Amino acid sequence: MAKRRLTWSIQVKQEINEIVFFFRKRNGNNMYGKKLQTACLQASKMIARFNEIGTQIRLEKRHVRYVIVEGTYQLFYEITENQITIIKIWDVRRNPVDLKL
């Protein structure tokens, strides 16, 4: 099987930047935001190496999985034949009804 290319959706890049900004404003420094960014990058490297490491969720005609990052975030990714796309970062403390993939 050929190696799949890993990409990040524009939406998830914006979401991560918003989270970093939130914690910078709340905590007065970048420490937690940068820690979360680093954890997301490490998780994405693991996903790229072991595509099916995450928990699979049932979506019609889509192969979507997620991994837990920093205990309270889920990083969702979609697997297609040639590509893996990080599609969402989700704070598990939020209402699951609001989660749109």
Protein backbone atom coordinates (compact mmCIF):
# COMPACT_ATOMS: atom_id res chain seq x y z
CA MET A 1 0.00 0.00 0.00
CA ALA A 2 1.32 3.44 -0.95
CA LYS A 3 1.98 5.99 1.75
CA ARG A 4 -0.82 8.53 2.13
CA ARG A 5 -0.13 12.28 2.14
CA LEU A 6 -1.10 14.13 5.35
CA THR A 7 -2.82 17.52 5.07
CA TRP A 8 -4.51 19.92 7.48
CA SER A 9 -7.79 21.60 6.54
CA ILE A 10 -7.85 25.39 6.64
CA GLN A 11 -10.63 25.17 9.23
CA VAL A 12 -8.58 23.12 11.68
CA LYS A 13 -5.57 25.45 11.28
CA GLN A 14 -7.83 28.38 12.19
CA GLU A 15 -9.34 26.47 15.12
CA ILE A 16 -5.90 25.72 16.57
CA ASN A 17 -4.87 29.37 16.20
CA GLU A 18 -8.06 30.44 17.99
CA ILE A 19 -7.37 28.01 20.83
CA VAL A 20 -3.79 29.28 21.16
CA PHE A 21 -5.05 32.89 21.21
CA PHE A 22 -7.69 32.02 23.84
CA PHE A 23 -5.14 30.49 26.21
CA ARG A 24 -2.65 33.31 25.59
CA LYS A 25 -5.33 35.82 26.59
CA ARG A 26 -6.61 33.78 29.55
CA ASN A 27 -3.24 32.69 30.96
CA GLY A 28 -1.15 35.71 29.95
CA ASN A 29 1.40 33.53 28.11
CA ASN A 30 1.77 31.10 25.22
CA MET A 31 2.83 28.04 27.22
CA TYR A 32 -0.35 25.93 27.11
CA GLY A 33 -1.26 26.97 23.57
CA LYS A 34 2.18 26.01 22.29
CA LYS A 35 2.04 22.76 24.26
CA LEU A 36 -1.28 21.93 22.58
CA GLN A 37 0.11 22.84 19.14
CA THR A 38 3.10 20.58 19.70
CA ALA A 39 0.85 17.74 20.88
CA CYS A 40 -1.31 18.11 17.75
CA LEU A 41 1.77 17.98 15.52
CA GLN A 42 3.05 14.89 17.33
CA ALA A 43 -0.37 13.24 17.01
CA SER A 44 -0.45 14.03 13.28
CA LYS A 45 2.95 12.40 12.81
CA MET A 46 1.66 9.30 14.57
CA ILE A 47 -1.47 9.35 12.37
CA ALA A 48 0.69 9.66 9.24
CA ARG A 49 2.73 6.65 10.30
CA PHE A 50 -0.13 4.51 11.67
CA ASN A 51 -3.20 5.62 9.70
CA GLU A 52 -5.76 3.64 11.66
CA ILE A 53 -4.48 4.36 15.16
CA GLY A 54 -7.53 6.46 16.06
CA THR A 55 -11.01 5.41 17.10
CA GLN A 56 -13.28 5.01 14.08
CA ILE A 57 -16.63 6.79 14.00
CA ARG A 58 -19.53 5.87 11.76
CA LEU A 59 -20.25 8.38 9.03
CA GLU A 60 -21.98 7.52 5.80
CA LYS A 61 -19.41 6.90 3.05
CA ARG A 62 -16.57 8.56 5.01
CA HIS A 63 -13.68 6.93 6.83
CA VAL A 64 -13.25 9.25 9.84
CA ARG A 65 -11.26 8.57 13.00
CA TYR A 66 -10.07 10.58 15.98
CA VAL A 67 -7.27 10.59 18.53
CA ILE A 68 -7.21 12.22 21.95
CA VAL A 69 -4.77 15.12 22.37
CA GLU A 70 -3.86 16.63 25.74
CA GLY A 71 -6.71 14.80 27.45
CA THR A 72 -9.52 17.19 26.49
CA TYR A 73 -9.22 17.55 22.71
CA GLN A 74 -10.08 15.18 19.89
CA LEU A 75 -8.25 15.49 16.59
CA PHE A 76 -10.50 14.16 13.80
CA TYR A 77 -9.07 12.94 10.52
CA GLU A 78 -10.44 11.49 7.33
CA ILE A 79 -8.70 8.75 5.38
CA THR A 80 -9.08 8.49 1.61
CA GLU A 81 -7.18 6.32 -0.85
CA ASN A 82 -4.24 8.73 -1.26
CA GLN A 83 -4.58 11.21 1.58
CA ILE A 84 -5.20 11.75 5.27
CA THR A 85 -6.80 15.08 6.15
CA ILE A 86 -6.98 16.50 9.66
CA ILE A 87 -10.51 17.93 9.58
CA LYS A 88 -11.39 19.07 13.12
CA ILE A 89 -10.07 19.74 16.59
CA TRP A 90 -12.77 19.43 19.22
CA ASP A 91 -12.80 20.26 22.94
CA VAL A 92 -14.63 17.31 24.53
CA ARG A 93 -16.04 19.60 27.23
CA ARG A 94 -18.31 21.17 24.61
CA ASN A 95 -21.79 19.93 23.80
CA PRO A 96 -21.43 16.95 21.40
CA VAL A 97 -24.62 18.01 19.60
CA ASP A 98 -22.66 21.00 18.24
CA LEU A 99 -19.98 18.79 16.63
CA LYS A 100 -20.17 19.01 12.82
CA LEU A 101 -17.81 16.95 10.68
